[in-house]
Amino acid sequence: MEQDPRLDRNRAIESMSAEDLEDFLTEAIGLYAEETRTELDALRTFSEARLLLNNRGLVLALNNAEFRISITKTR
C-alpha cells in the first residue's frame, strides 16, 4: 500500500528549523522577484545585515522601503 505523499510533506514541515524556513523564504522571494521582474534592492539574513538579534529573519529592501521578517519557531 502506497503512503499518502501529504504525510511526508507534513513531516518535513514539522521538522523544519528556523534556519530552514529562512532559506526557503530567501529562495521563494528571489524566485518571485525573477518571475515578476520585481527589482529587489537587497535581501539579506539578519546575520548578514549584522542585526544583533537572537532570532532568524530576513531584511528585504525594495522601492525605498525596508521590511524585517522575523522567524521564531514556537513548537
N, C-alpha and C. Protein backbone atom coordinates (compact mmCIF):
# COMPACT_ATOMS: atom_id res chain seq x y z
N MET A 1 0.84 -1.19 0.00
CA MET A 1 0.00 0.00 0.00
C MET A 1 0.89 1.25 0.00
N GLU A 2 0.58 2.17 -0.86
CA GLU A 2 1.38 3.38 -1.00
C GLU A 2 1.00 4.42 0.06
N GLN A 3 2.01 5.10 0.58
CA GLN A 3 1.79 6.11 1.62
C GLN A 3 1.32 7.43 0.98
N ASP A 4 0.44 8.11 1.66
CA ASP A 4 -0.05 9.41 1.20
C ASP A 4 1.11 10.41 1.18
N PRO A 5 1.42 11.04 0.02
CA PRO A 5 2.55 11.98 -0.06
C PRO A 5 2.39 13.20 0.85
N ARG A 6 1.15 13.52 1.22
CA ARG A 6 0.93 14.66 2.12
C ARG A 6 1.52 14.39 3.50
N LEU A 7 1.58 13.13 3.92
CA LEU A 7 2.14 12.80 5.22
C LEU A 7 3.64 13.11 5.25
N ASP A 8 4.35 12.78 4.18
CA ASP A 8 5.79 13.10 4.11
C ASP A 8 6.00 14.61 4.13
N ARG A 9 5.18 15.35 3.40
CA ARG A 9 5.29 16.81 3.37
C ARG A 9 5.04 17.38 4.77
N ASN A 10 4.04 16.87 5.47
CA ASN A 10 3.75 17.34 6.82
C ASN A 10 4.91 17.07 7.77
N ARG A 11 5.53 15.89 7.65
CA ARG A 11 6.69 15.57 8.49
C ARG A 11 7.84 16.52 8.20
N ALA A 12 8.06 16.82 6.92
CA ALA A 12 9.15 17.73 6.54
C ALA A 12 8.91 19.12 7.12
N ILE A 13 7.67 19.57 7.07
CA ILE A 13 7.34 20.89 7.61
C ILE A 13 7.51 20.91 9.12
N GLU A 14 7.07 19.85 9.80
CA GLU A 14 7.20 19.78 11.26
C GLU A 14 8.66 19.78 11.70
N SER A 15 9.54 19.18 10.91
CA SER A 15 10.95 19.11 11.30
C SER A 15 11.75 20.32 10.80
N MET A 16 11.09 21.25 10.12
CA MET A 16 11.77 22.43 9.58
C MET A 16 12.25 23.33 10.72
N SER A 17 13.50 23.75 10.64
CA SER A 17 14.04 24.66 11.63
C SER A 17 13.83 26.10 11.16
N ALA A 18 14.10 27.04 12.04
CA ALA A 18 14.01 28.46 11.67
C ALA A 18 14.99 28.77 10.54
N GLU A 19 16.16 28.14 10.58
CA GLU A 19 17.15 28.35 9.51
C GLU A 19 16.64 27.79 8.19
N ASP A 20 15.99 26.61 8.24
CA ASP A 20 15.41 26.03 7.02
C ASP A 20 14.36 26.96 6.43
N LEU A 21 13.51 27.52 7.28
CA LEU A 21 12.47 28.42 6.79
C LEU A 21 13.09 29.70 6.23
N GLU A 22 14.14 30.19 6.86
CA GLU A 22 14.86 31.37 6.37
C GLU A 22 15.39 31.10 4.96
N ASP A 23 15.99 29.93 4.76
CA ASP A 23 16.49 29.55 3.43
C ASP A 23 15.35 29.43 2.42
N PHE A 24 14.26 28.80 2.83
CA PHE A 24 13.10 28.62 1.97
C PHE A 24 12.53 29.97 1.53
N LEU A 25 12.35 30.89 2.48
CA LEU A 25 11.79 32.20 2.16
C LEU A 25 12.73 33.01 1.27
N THR A 26 14.02 32.90 1.52
CA THR A 26 15.00 33.60 0.68
C THR A 26 14.87 33.14 -0.77
N GLU A 27 14.80 31.83 -0.96
CA GLU A 27 14.67 31.29 -2.31
C GLU A 27 13.32 31.67 -2.93
N ALA A 28 12.24 31.56 -2.15
CA ALA A 28 10.91 31.87 -2.67
C ALA A 28 10.80 33.34 -3.07
N ILE A 29 11.31 34.23 -2.25
CA ILE A 29 11.26 35.66 -2.56
C ILE A 29 12.10 35.95 -3.81
N GLY A 30 13.27 35.33 -3.89
CA GLY A 30 14.12 35.51 -5.07
C GLY A 30 13.45 35.02 -6.34
N LEU A 31 12.83 33.85 -6.28
CA LEU A 31 12.12 33.31 -7.45
C LEU A 31 10.94 34.20 -7.84
N TYR A 32 10.20 34.67 -6.84
CA TYR A 32 9.07 35.57 -7.12
C TYR A 32 9.55 36.84 -7.81
N ALA A 33 10.65 37.41 -7.30
CA ALA A 33 11.19 38.64 -7.89
C ALA A 33 11.60 38.40 -9.34
N GLU A 34 12.21 37.25 -9.62
CA GLU A 34 12.59 36.92 -11.00
C GLU A 34 11.37 36.78 -11.89
N GLU A 35 10.38 36.02 -11.42
CA GLU A 35 9.18 35.76 -12.23
C GLU A 35 8.39 37.03 -12.53
N THR A 36 8.33 37.93 -11.57
CA THR A 36 7.53 39.14 -11.74
C THR A 36 8.38 40.34 -12.17
N ARG A 37 9.68 40.09 -12.32
CA ARG A 37 10.62 41.15 -12.68
C ARG A 37 10.58 42.31 -11.69
N THR A 38 10.43 41.93 -10.43
CA THR A 38 10.46 42.90 -9.34
C THR A 38 11.90 43.09 -8.92
N GLU A 39 12.36 44.33 -8.95
CA GLU A 39 13.74 44.60 -8.58
C GLU A 39 13.86 44.73 -7.06
N LEU A 40 14.68 43.84 -6.48
CA LEU A 40 14.95 43.90 -5.05
C LEU A 40 16.20 44.72 -4.83
N ASP A 41 16.15 45.66 -3.92
CA ASP A 41 17.35 46.43 -3.57
C ASP A 41 18.28 45.58 -2.72
N ALA A 42 17.71 44.76 -1.86
CA ALA A 42 18.52 43.87 -1.01
C ALA A 42 17.62 42.79 -0.41
N LEU A 43 18.20 41.63 -0.21
CA LEU A 43 17.55 40.55 0.52
C LEU A 43 18.67 39.85 1.29
N ARG A 44 18.68 40.08 2.61
CA ARG A 44 19.75 39.56 3.46
C ARG A 44 19.15 38.93 4.71
N THR A 45 19.91 38.02 5.29
CA THR A 45 19.50 37.48 6.59
C THR A 45 19.82 38.52 7.66
N PHE A 46 19.23 38.36 8.83
CA PHE A 46 19.56 39.25 9.94
C PHE A 46 21.06 39.22 10.20
N SER A 47 21.64 38.02 10.13
CA SER A 47 23.07 37.88 10.38
C SER A 47 23.89 38.64 9.34
N GLU A 48 23.54 38.50 8.07
CA GLU A 48 24.24 39.21 7.01
C GLU A 48 24.11 40.73 7.15
N ALA A 49 22.95 41.16 7.65
CA ALA A 49 22.70 42.59 7.86
C ALA A 49 23.30 43.08 9.17
N ARG A 50 23.95 42.17 9.89
CA ARG A 50 24.62 42.46 11.16
C ARG A 50 23.68 43.04 12.21
N LEU A 51 22.45 42.52 12.23
CA LEU A 51 21.49 42.90 13.27
C LEU A 51 21.75 42.03 14.49
N LEU A 52 21.82 42.63 15.61
CA LEU A 52 22.11 41.90 16.84
C LEU A 52 20.82 41.38 17.47
N LEU A 53 20.26 40.38 16.82
CA LEU A 53 19.01 39.78 17.28
C LEU A 53 19.25 38.30 17.54
N ASN A 54 18.48 37.72 18.44
CA ASN A 54 18.64 36.31 18.78
C ASN A 54 17.87 35.37 17.86
N ASN A 55 17.00 35.89 17.03
CA ASN A 55 16.20 35.02 16.17
C ASN A 55 16.66 35.15 14.72
N ARG A 56 16.16 34.25 13.90
CA ARG A 56 16.46 34.26 12.47
C ARG A 56 15.49 35.21 11.79
N GLY A 57 15.86 35.65 10.60
CA GLY A 57 14.95 36.51 9.86
C GLY A 57 15.62 37.09 8.63
N LEU A 58 14.84 37.87 7.89
CA LEU A 58 15.29 38.46 6.65
C LEU A 58 15.06 39.97 6.66
N VAL A 59 15.93 40.67 5.95
CA VAL A 59 15.75 42.09 5.69
C VAL A 59 15.54 42.20 4.19
N LEU A 60 14.39 42.73 3.81
CA LEU A 60 14.01 42.87 2.41
C LEU A 60 13.88 44.35 2.09
N ALA A 61 14.65 44.82 1.12
CA ALA A 61 14.58 46.22 0.72
C ALA A 61 14.14 46.29 -0.74
N LEU A 62 13.09 47.08 -0.99
CA LEU A 62 12.63 47.31 -2.34
C LEU A 62 11.86 48.62 -2.40
N ASN A 63 12.03 49.32 -3.50
CA ASN A 63 11.32 50.59 -3.73
C ASN A 63 11.40 51.56 -2.55
N ASN A 64 12.59 51.78 -2.04
CA ASN A 64 12.82 52.72 -0.93
C ASN A 64 12.12 52.32 0.36
N ALA A 65 11.72 51.07 0.48
CA ALA A 65 11.11 50.57 1.71
C ALA A 65 11.95 49.40 2.21
N GLU A 66 12.00 49.23 3.52
CA GLU A 66 12.73 48.11 4.10
C GLU A 66 11.80 47.36 5.05
N PHE A 67 11.81 46.04 4.91
CA PHE A 67 10.98 45.18 5.75
C PHE A 67 11.88 44.21 6.49
N ARG A 68 11.55 43.95 7.74
CA ARG A 68 12.23 42.92 8.52
C ARG A 68 11.23 41.81 8.79
N ILE A 69 11.59 40.63 8.36
CA ILE A 69 10.73 39.46 8.51
C ILE A 69 11.37 38.58 9.57
N SER A 70 10.76 38.52 10.73
CA SER A 70 11.29 37.78 11.86
C SER A 70 10.74 36.35 11.84
N ILE A 71 11.61 35.39 12.12
CA ILE A 71 11.21 33.97 12.14
C ILE A 71 11.47 33.43 13.54
N THR A 72 10.41 32.97 14.18
CA THR A 72 10.51 32.37 15.51
C THR A 72 9.72 31.09 15.51
N LYS A 73 10.38 29.97 15.73
CA LYS A 73 9.69 28.70 15.81
C LYS A 73 9.11 28.55 17.20
N THR A 74 7.82 28.30 17.30
CA THR A 74 7.17 28.24 18.59
C THR A 74 6.95 26.80 19.08
N ARG A 75 6.99 25.84 18.20
CA ARG A 75 6.93 24.44 18.65
C ARG A 75 7.54 23.54 17.62
